[in-house]
Structure formats: structure tokens, C-alpha cells
Amino acid sequence: MSISAPDHHKTSYMDLALEEAERAAERGEVPVGAVLVRDGVVLARDGNRTLELNDPTAHAEIQVIRAACSMRGSQRLPDCDLYVTLEPCPMCAAAISFARIRRLYFGAGDEKGGAVENGTRFFSQPTCHHAPDVYSGIGENRAARLLKAFFQSRR
């Protein structure tokens, strides 16, 4: 259930996520950034840190979910919205579901590794206990350009 309905504040939160993706690229990480928001307040923002932390689970989404849960003293974030520059993978989609995140906004789709509109379509599975409202294509062109440039520079 994906809807394209960008408005100004969603674009600006995605701009923050894109800044985090750019910072991740500067660190040599795959340029993915995420921002977690509650009632118009940014609770956490980060980018991929898998290389820096030697942790395959240190995706941008996991980083901000961990930070917000720690800050709030809860494993659930039902009144929070997540903005991420790339379609979440299966691991991140599961974490989004387990955290009960209200809305997911993402930029570029990921045909190879995504699990929301591509791949396993995690939120559509009968075993998924919570599916956020999903809005795709927010800042998609900028996110896709950033990823493309990053991988071209690695070849």
C-alpha cells in the first residue's frame, strides 16, 4: 500500500535524510540516510555505519530506531515517522514493523535489496504483525543519483 503524497515538511525531513546519506558516502559507507520524527521533532538522524562499526546490522534505519527507542525508553515507536533515502531491506522492514513505526517515507526503490515494494514485500506478508503507512518516491531522484555516483566511483 504505497502512496505518493509529498508535501513541504516531508520533503525537508527527506532533505535531512539525504544529508545523512551524503555524510555516509563521505565515510565510505553506502549512502543511505534516515531520520525519525515524532510530532514535528527529529528524534534521531543517521546514515549507514556498517563499515565504521564492523556491524552488518548498522543500517541507517536500525541506527535511528535504536537511538529513538533508547531515548524514549521503549521498544515501540507507534507515533513516529521514518524517512529513509532508500527502500528498506528485509532486516530494516522487520525492525520498522517490530518498532510499530506509524509511517514510512522512502526515496529510491531498491529492486535488488528492497523489501517494501520489491523483493519480499515484507509488510504485505501474513506474518507481518504491523505495517506502517508507506509513501515512496520522496526525494527519489536525488537519492538515486547519490547511490549511482557512489557505486560508479567504486568501479
N, C-alpha and C. Protein backbone atom coordinates (compact mmCIF):
# COMPACT_ATOMS: atom_id res chain seq x y z
N MET A 1 0.85 -1.18 0.00
CA MET A 1 0.00 0.00 0.00
C MET A 1 0.89 1.24 0.00
N SER A 2 1.36 1.62 -1.15
CA SER A 2 2.26 2.76 -1.28
C SER A 2 1.54 3.93 -1.90
N ILE A 3 1.79 5.10 -1.35
CA ILE A 3 1.10 6.31 -1.79
C ILE A 3 2.15 7.38 -2.05
N SER A 4 2.01 8.13 -3.12
CA SER A 4 2.91 9.25 -3.36
C SER A 4 2.17 10.53 -3.02
N ALA A 5 2.55 11.15 -1.91
CA ALA A 5 1.88 12.37 -1.46
C ALA A 5 2.86 13.29 -0.75
N PRO A 6 3.92 13.73 -1.45
CA PRO A 6 4.88 14.59 -0.75
C PRO A 6 4.31 15.97 -0.48
N ASP A 7 4.66 16.53 0.66
CA ASP A 7 4.38 17.93 0.91
C ASP A 7 5.64 18.54 1.51
N HIS A 8 5.61 19.82 1.83
CA HIS A 8 6.85 20.53 2.16
C HIS A 8 7.60 19.93 3.36
N HIS A 9 6.91 19.67 4.48
CA HIS A 9 7.66 19.19 5.64
C HIS A 9 8.25 17.80 5.40
N LYS A 10 7.55 16.98 4.63
CA LYS A 10 8.08 15.66 4.32
C LYS A 10 9.33 15.79 3.46
N THR A 11 9.32 16.74 2.54
CA THR A 11 10.49 16.98 1.71
C THR A 11 11.65 17.44 2.58
N SER A 12 11.41 18.32 3.54
CA SER A 12 12.52 18.81 4.36
C SER A 12 13.08 17.71 5.27
N TYR A 13 12.25 16.81 5.79
CA TYR A 13 12.77 15.69 6.57
C TYR A 13 13.58 14.77 5.66
N MET A 14 13.12 14.58 4.42
CA MET A 14 13.88 13.77 3.49
C MET A 14 15.19 14.47 3.14
N ASP A 15 15.18 15.80 3.08
CA ASP A 15 16.43 16.54 2.86
C ASP A 15 17.44 16.22 3.96
N LEU A 16 16.96 16.15 5.21
CA LEU A 16 17.85 15.79 6.33
C LEU A 16 18.39 14.37 6.15
N ALA A 17 17.53 13.46 5.71
CA ALA A 17 17.96 12.08 5.47
C ALA A 17 19.01 12.04 4.35
N LEU A 18 18.79 12.85 3.32
CA LEU A 18 19.76 12.91 2.22
C LEU A 18 21.10 13.48 2.69
N GLU A 19 21.07 14.45 3.60
CA GLU A 19 22.32 14.95 4.19
C GLU A 19 23.06 13.83 4.92
N GLU A 20 22.31 13.00 5.64
CA GLU A 20 22.93 11.87 6.35
C GLU A 20 23.50 10.86 5.35
N ALA A 21 22.82 10.67 4.23
CA ALA A 21 23.32 9.76 3.19
C ALA A 21 24.63 10.30 2.62
N GLU A 22 24.69 11.61 2.40
CA GLU A 22 25.92 12.22 1.89
C GLU A 22 27.06 12.05 2.89
N ARG A 23 26.78 12.20 4.16
CA ARG A 23 27.80 12.00 5.20
C ARG A 23 28.28 10.55 5.22
N ALA A 24 27.34 9.62 5.03
CA ALA A 24 27.71 8.20 4.98
C ALA A 24 28.66 7.96 3.81
N ALA A 25 28.36 8.54 2.65
CA ALA A 25 29.23 8.39 1.48
C ALA A 25 30.63 8.94 1.77
N GLU A 26 30.70 10.06 2.46
CA GLU A 26 32.00 10.65 2.82
C GLU A 26 32.81 9.72 3.72
N ARG A 27 32.12 8.88 4.49
CA ARG A 27 32.80 7.90 5.36
C ARG A 27 33.11 6.61 4.60
N GLY A 28 32.72 6.54 3.33
CA GLY A 28 32.94 5.33 2.54
C GLY A 28 31.84 4.31 2.67
N GLU A 29 30.75 4.69 3.33
CA GLU A 29 29.60 3.80 3.52
C GLU A 29 28.64 3.93 2.33
N VAL A 30 27.83 2.92 2.09
CA VAL A 30 26.77 3.05 1.10
C VAL A 30 25.89 4.22 1.54
N PRO A 31 25.64 5.17 0.64
CA PRO A 31 24.96 6.41 1.05
C PRO A 31 23.45 6.26 1.27
N VAL A 32 23.13 5.82 2.46
CA VAL A 32 21.73 5.74 2.89
C VAL A 32 21.63 6.53 4.19
N GLY A 33 20.60 7.38 4.27
CA GLY A 33 20.38 8.16 5.46
C GLY A 33 18.95 8.01 5.94
N ALA A 34 18.75 8.21 7.24
CA ALA A 34 17.42 8.06 7.83
C ALA A 34 17.20 9.12 8.90
N VAL A 35 15.94 9.51 9.05
CA VAL A 35 15.53 10.48 10.07
C VAL A 35 14.25 9.95 10.70
N LEU A 36 14.18 9.95 12.03
CA LEU A 36 12.99 9.52 12.75
C LEU A 36 12.36 10.73 13.42
N VAL A 37 11.07 10.94 13.16
CA VAL A 37 10.38 12.15 13.59
C VAL A 37 9.14 11.79 14.41
N ARG A 38 8.92 12.60 15.46
CA ARG A 38 7.70 12.47 16.27
C ARG A 38 7.14 13.87 16.51
N ASP A 39 5.90 14.08 16.11
CA ASP A 39 5.23 15.38 16.32
C ASP A 39 6.07 16.56 15.84
N GLY A 40 6.68 16.42 14.68
CA GLY A 40 7.46 17.51 14.11
C GLY A 40 8.85 17.69 14.70
N VAL A 41 9.26 16.81 15.61
CA VAL A 41 10.58 16.89 16.24
C VAL A 41 11.43 15.72 15.77
N VAL A 42 12.64 16.04 15.31
CA VAL A 42 13.57 14.99 14.89
C VAL A 42 14.14 14.32 16.14
N LEU A 43 13.84 13.03 16.30
CA LEU A 43 14.35 12.27 17.45
C LEU A 43 15.74 11.72 17.18
N ALA A 44 15.98 11.32 15.93
CA ALA A 44 17.27 10.72 15.59
C ALA A 44 17.49 10.86 14.09
N ARG A 45 18.77 11.01 13.73
CA ARG A 45 19.15 11.04 12.32
C ARG A 45 20.53 10.42 12.20
N ASP A 46 20.72 9.62 11.15
CA ASP A 46 22.00 8.95 10.98
C ASP A 46 22.06 8.36 9.58
N GLY A 47 23.23 7.84 9.26
CA GLY A 47 23.44 7.16 7.99
C GLY A 47 24.00 5.78 8.26
N ASN A 48 24.22 5.04 7.18
CA ASN A 48 24.81 3.71 7.31
C ASN A 48 26.15 3.81 8.04
N ARG A 49 26.42 2.82 8.90
CA ARG A 49 27.68 2.76 9.63
C ARG A 49 28.20 1.32 9.72
N THR A 50 27.89 0.50 8.73
CA THR A 50 28.28 -0.91 8.79
C THR A 50 29.79 -1.10 8.78
N LEU A 51 30.50 -0.31 7.97
CA LEU A 51 31.96 -0.42 7.90
C LEU A 51 32.60 0.16 9.16
N GLU A 52 32.17 1.34 9.52
CA GLU A 52 32.73 2.04 10.69
C GLU A 52 32.61 1.21 11.95
N LEU A 53 31.45 0.57 12.14
CA LEU A 53 31.18 -0.18 13.37
C LEU A 53 31.46 -1.68 13.24
N ASN A 54 31.88 -2.10 12.01
CA ASN A 54 32.05 -3.54 11.76
C ASN A 54 30.80 -4.31 12.18
N ASP A 55 29.65 -3.79 11.74
CA ASP A 55 28.36 -4.33 12.16
C ASP A 55 27.43 -4.38 10.95
N PRO A 56 27.13 -5.57 10.45
CA PRO A 56 26.27 -5.67 9.27
C PRO A 56 24.83 -5.19 9.53
N THR A 57 24.47 -5.00 10.79
CA THR A 57 23.11 -4.51 11.10
C THR A 57 23.06 -3.00 11.26
N ALA A 58 24.17 -2.30 11.10
CA ALA A 58 24.23 -0.86 11.36
C ALA A 58 23.73 -0.05 10.15
N HIS A 59 22.59 -0.46 9.61
CA HIS A 59 21.94 0.31 8.54
C HIS A 59 21.37 1.58 9.15
N ALA A 60 21.18 2.60 8.32
CA ALA A 60 20.68 3.90 8.79
C ALA A 60 19.38 3.74 9.58
N GLU A 61 18.45 2.92 9.06
CA GLU A 61 17.17 2.74 9.74
C GLU A 61 17.34 2.14 11.13
N ILE A 62 18.18 1.13 11.23
CA ILE A 62 18.42 0.47 12.52
C ILE A 62 19.06 1.47 13.50
N GLN A 63 19.99 2.25 12.99
CA GLN A 63 20.68 3.23 13.85
C GLN A 63 19.67 4.21 14.47
N VAL A 64 18.76 4.75 13.66
CA VAL A 64 17.82 5.74 14.22
C VAL A 64 16.75 5.09 15.08
N ILE A 65 16.35 3.88 14.74
CA ILE A 65 15.37 3.17 15.58
C ILE A 65 15.98 2.89 16.95
N ARG A 66 17.22 2.41 16.96
CA ARG A 66 17.90 2.14 18.25
C ARG A 66 18.02 3.41 19.08
N ALA A 67 18.45 4.49 18.44
CA ALA A 67 18.63 5.75 19.17
C ALA A 67 17.31 6.26 19.75
N ALA A 68 16.25 6.24 18.95
CA ALA A 68 14.96 6.74 19.43
C ALA A 68 14.37 5.85 20.52
N CYS A 69 14.49 4.54 20.36
CA CYS A 69 13.99 3.63 21.40
C CYS A 69 14.74 3.84 22.71
N SER A 70 16.04 4.01 22.61
CA SER A 70 16.84 4.26 23.81
C SER A 70 16.43 5.57 24.47
N MET A 71 16.26 6.61 23.67
CA MET A 71 15.88 7.92 24.17
C MET A 71 14.51 7.88 24.85
N ARG A 72 13.60 7.13 24.26
CA ARG A 72 12.23 7.07 24.78
C ARG A 72 12.04 5.98 25.83
N GLY A 73 13.02 5.12 26.00
CA GLY A 73 12.90 4.04 26.97
C GLY A 73 11.82 3.05 26.61
N SER A 74 11.70 2.77 25.31
CA SER A 74 10.65 1.87 24.84
C SER A 74 11.11 1.15 23.57
N GLN A 75 10.63 -0.06 23.38
CA GLN A 75 10.93 -0.78 22.14
C GLN A 75 9.93 -0.44 21.03
N ARG A 76 8.96 0.39 21.32
CA ARG A 76 7.90 0.74 20.37
C ARG A 76 7.93 2.24 20.07
N LEU A 77 7.66 2.57 18.81
CA LEU A 77 7.63 3.96 18.35
C LEU A 77 6.36 4.20 17.53
N PRO A 78 5.18 3.95 18.12
CA PRO A 78 3.93 3.96 17.34
C PRO A 78 3.50 5.34 16.83
N ASP A 79 4.05 6.39 17.39
CA ASP A 79 3.65 7.74 16.99
C ASP A 79 4.78 8.42 16.22
N CYS A 80 5.65 7.61 15.62
CA CYS A 80 6.82 8.14 14.91
C CYS A 80 6.77 7.82 13.42
N ASP A 81 7.42 8.68 12.66
CA ASP A 81 7.53 8.53 11.21
C ASP A 81 9.00 8.41 10.85
N LEU A 82 9.30 7.52 9.91
CA LEU A 82 10.66 7.28 9.46
C LEU A 82 10.82 7.73 8.02
N TYR A 83 11.85 8.52 7.79
CA TYR A 83 12.22 8.98 6.45
C TYR A 83 13.56 8.34 6.11
N VAL A 84 13.63 7.62 5.00
CA VAL A 84 14.87 6.95 4.61
C VAL A 84 15.07 7.11 3.11
N THR A 85 16.31 7.28 2.70
CA THR A 85 16.60 7.60 1.30
C THR A 85 16.45 6.42 0.36
N LEU A 86 16.51 5.20 0.87
CA LEU A 86 16.43 4.00 0.04
C LEU A 86 15.39 3.05 0.62
N GLU A 87 14.69 2.36 -0.24
CA GLU A 87 13.71 1.36 0.20
C GLU A 87 14.37 0.40 1.18
N PRO A 88 13.78 0.20 2.35
CA PRO A 88 14.37 -0.68 3.36
C PRO A 88 14.51 -2.13 2.91
N CYS A 89 15.58 -2.76 3.39
CA CYS A 89 15.84 -4.18 3.14
C CYS A 89 14.95 -5.02 4.07
N PRO A 90 14.97 -6.35 3.93
CA PRO A 90 14.14 -7.19 4.81
C PRO A 90 14.42 -6.98 6.31
N MET A 91 15.69 -6.87 6.68
CA MET A 91 16.03 -6.67 8.10
C MET A 91 15.42 -5.37 8.62
N CYS A 92 15.58 -4.30 7.85
CA CYS A 92 15.08 -3.00 8.29
C CYS A 92 13.55 -2.95 8.27
N ALA A 93 12.94 -3.59 7.28
CA ALA A 93 11.48 -3.64 7.24
C ALA A 93 10.94 -4.36 8.48
N ALA A 94 11.60 -5.44 8.87
CA ALA A 94 11.18 -6.16 10.08
C ALA A 94 11.34 -5.27 11.31
N ALA A 95 12.45 -4.54 11.41
CA ALA A 95 12.67 -3.65 12.56
C ALA A 95 11.61 -2.54 12.60
N ILE A 96 11.26 -2.01 11.44
CA ILE A 96 10.21 -0.98 11.35
C ILE A 96 8.89 -1.54 11.86
N SER A 97 8.58 -2.77 11.47
CA SER A 97 7.35 -3.42 11.91
C SER A 97 7.38 -3.68 13.42
N PHE A 98 8.48 -4.24 13.91
CA PHE A 98 8.58 -4.56 15.34
C PHE A 98 8.52 -3.30 16.19
N ALA A 99 9.06 -2.19 15.69
CA ALA A 99 9.03 -0.92 16.44
C ALA A 99 7.66 -0.24 16.34
N ARG A 100 6.80 -0.77 15.49
CA ARG A 100 5.44 -0.23 15.29
C ARG A 100 5.45 1.21 14.76
N ILE A 101 6.42 1.51 13.91
CA ILE A 101 6.52 2.85 13.33
C ILE A 101 5.25 3.14 12.53
N ARG A 102 4.73 4.34 12.69
CA ARG A 102 3.44 4.73 12.10
C ARG A 102 3.51 4.88 10.58
N ARG A 103 4.50 5.65 10.10
CA ARG A 103 4.60 5.92 8.66
C ARG A 103 6.05 5.76 8.20
N LEU A 104 6.19 5.23 7.00
CA LEU A 104 7.50 5.10 6.36
C LEU A 104 7.47 5.90 5.06
N TYR A 105 8.43 6.82 4.94
CA TYR A 105 8.62 7.58 3.72
C TYR A 105 9.99 7.19 3.18
N PHE A 106 10.05 6.74 1.92
CA PHE A 106 11.37 6.44 1.37
C PHE A 106 11.56 7.02 -0.01
N GLY A 107 12.83 7.21 -0.36
CA GLY A 107 13.19 7.84 -1.63
C GLY A 107 13.24 6.85 -2.77
N ALA A 108 14.42 6.35 -3.06
CA ALA A 108 14.63 5.45 -4.19
C ALA A 108 14.17 4.04 -3.87
N GLY A 109 13.55 3.40 -4.86
CA GLY A 109 13.23 1.99 -4.73
C GLY A 109 14.51 1.17 -4.89
N ASP A 110 14.50 -0.05 -4.40
CA ASP A 110 15.66 -0.93 -4.50
C ASP A 110 15.22 -2.28 -5.03
N GLU A 111 15.31 -2.46 -6.36
CA GLU A 111 14.86 -3.70 -6.98
C GLU A 111 15.63 -4.91 -6.48
N LYS A 112 16.90 -4.71 -6.15
CA LYS A 112 17.76 -5.82 -5.76
C LYS A 112 17.63 -6.18 -4.28
N GLY A 113 17.58 -5.19 -3.41
CA GLY A 113 17.62 -5.48 -1.97
C GLY A 113 16.44 -4.98 -1.18
N GLY A 114 15.51 -4.28 -1.83
CA GLY A 114 14.36 -3.72 -1.11
C GLY A 114 13.36 -4.78 -0.70
N ALA A 115 12.57 -4.47 0.33
CA ALA A 115 11.60 -5.44 0.83
C ALA A 115 10.25 -4.80 1.12
N VAL A 116 10.00 -3.62 0.53
CA VAL A 116 8.72 -2.95 0.75
C VAL A 116 7.87 -3.05 -0.51
N GLU A 117 8.35 -2.49 -1.61
CA GLU A 117 7.66 -2.58 -2.90
C GLU A 117 8.31 -3.60 -3.80
N ASN A 118 9.49 -4.05 -3.45
CA ASN A 118 10.23 -5.06 -4.20
C ASN A 118 10.49 -6.26 -3.31
N GLY A 119 11.10 -7.27 -3.88
CA GLY A 119 11.53 -8.43 -3.09
C GLY A 119 10.40 -9.07 -2.30
N THR A 120 10.64 -9.25 -1.02
CA THR A 120 9.70 -9.99 -0.16
C THR A 120 8.41 -9.23 0.14
N ARG A 121 8.40 -7.92 -0.10
CA ARG A 121 7.22 -7.09 0.23
C ARG A 121 6.75 -7.42 1.65
N PHE A 122 7.67 -7.23 2.56
CA PHE A 122 7.51 -7.65 3.96
C PHE A 122 6.18 -7.25 4.57
N PHE A 123 5.77 -6.00 4.36
CA PHE A 123 4.56 -5.50 5.03
C PHE A 123 3.28 -6.14 4.49
N SER A 124 3.36 -6.83 3.36
CA SER A 124 2.20 -7.50 2.78
C SER A 124 2.10 -8.96 3.20
N GLN A 125 3.07 -9.45 3.93
CA GLN A 125 3.08 -10.85 4.33
C GLN A 125 2.14 -11.10 5.50
N PRO A 126 1.47 -12.26 5.50
CA PRO A 126 0.56 -12.58 6.61
C PRO A 126 1.27 -12.67 7.97
N THR A 127 2.57 -12.90 7.97
CA THR A 127 3.32 -12.98 9.22
C THR A 127 3.72 -11.62 9.76
N CYS A 128 3.46 -10.56 9.01
CA CYS A 128 3.79 -9.20 9.45
C CYS A 128 2.69 -8.72 10.39
N HIS A 129 3.07 -8.42 11.63
CA HIS A 129 2.08 -8.01 12.64
C HIS A 129 1.72 -6.54 12.59
N HIS A 130 2.60 -5.72 12.03
CA HIS A 130 2.32 -4.28 11.92
C HIS A 130 2.92 -3.76 10.62
N ALA A 131 2.11 -3.10 9.83
CA ALA A 131 2.59 -2.46 8.61
C ALA A 131 2.36 -0.96 8.72
N PRO A 132 3.42 -0.18 8.52
CA PRO A 132 3.25 1.28 8.55
C PRO A 132 2.55 1.74 7.28
N ASP A 133 2.03 2.95 7.29
CA ASP A 133 1.61 3.58 6.05
C ASP A 133 2.89 3.85 5.28
N VAL A 134 2.90 3.56 3.99
CA VAL A 134 4.12 3.69 3.19
C VAL A 134 3.92 4.74 2.10
N TYR A 135 4.89 5.64 1.99
CA TYR A 135 4.91 6.68 0.97
C TYR A 135 6.26 6.60 0.27
N SER A 136 6.26 6.28 -1.01
CA SER A 136 7.53 6.11 -1.72
C SER A 136 7.77 7.25 -2.70
N GLY A 137 9.00 7.33 -3.17
CA GLY A 137 9.36 8.31 -4.19
C GLY A 137 9.64 9.70 -3.66
N ILE A 138 9.76 9.88 -2.34
CA ILE A 138 10.04 11.19 -1.75
C ILE A 138 11.55 11.46 -1.92
N GLY A 139 11.92 12.47 -2.69
CA GLY A 139 13.33 12.75 -2.93
C GLY A 139 14.02 11.67 -3.73
N GLU A 140 13.25 10.93 -4.51
CA GLU A 140 13.76 9.76 -5.22
C GLU A 140 14.92 10.07 -6.16
N ASN A 141 14.80 11.11 -6.96
CA ASN A 141 15.84 11.41 -7.95
C ASN A 141 17.18 11.72 -7.29
N ARG A 142 17.15 12.55 -6.27
CA ARG A 142 18.40 12.91 -5.57
C ARG A 142 19.01 11.69 -4.89
N ALA A 143 18.18 10.87 -4.27
CA ALA A 143 18.68 9.66 -3.60
C ALA A 143 19.28 8.70 -4.62
N ALA A 144 18.61 8.51 -5.75
CA ALA A 144 19.11 7.59 -6.78
C ALA A 144 20.41 8.10 -7.37
N ARG A 145 20.51 9.41 -7.61
CA ARG A 145 21.76 9.99 -8.15
C ARG A 145 22.92 9.78 -7.19
N LEU A 146 22.66 9.98 -5.91
CA LEU A 146 23.70 9.81 -4.89
C LEU A 146 24.21 8.36 -4.87
N LEU A 147 23.30 7.41 -4.90
CA LEU A 147 23.67 6.00 -4.90
C LEU A 147 24.43 5.64 -6.17
N LYS A 148 23.93 6.08 -7.31
CA LYS A 148 24.56 5.78 -8.60
C LYS A 148 26.00 6.32 -8.63
N ALA A 149 26.18 7.57 -8.21
CA ALA A 149 27.51 8.18 -8.21
C ALA A 149 28.44 7.43 -7.27
N PHE A 150 27.93 7.01 -6.12
CA PHE A 150 28.75 6.29 -5.16
C PHE A 150 29.27 4.98 -5.76
N PHE A 151 28.36 4.20 -6.35
CA PHE A 151 28.76 2.90 -6.90
C PHE A 151 29.62 3.05 -8.15
N GLN A 152 29.39 4.07 -8.95
CA GLN A 152 30.25 4.30 -10.12
C GLN A 152 31.66 4.64 -9.68
N SER A 153 31.80 5.40 -8.59
CA SER A 153 33.14 5.76 -8.12
C SER A 153 33.88 4.56 -7.54
N ARG A 154 33.18 3.49 -7.22
CA ARG A 154 33.79 2.29 -6.64
C ARG A 154 34.25 1.32 -7.72
N ARG A 155 33.84 1.55 -8.97
CA ARG A 155 34.17 0.59 -10.05
C ARG A 155 35.49 0.89 -10.68
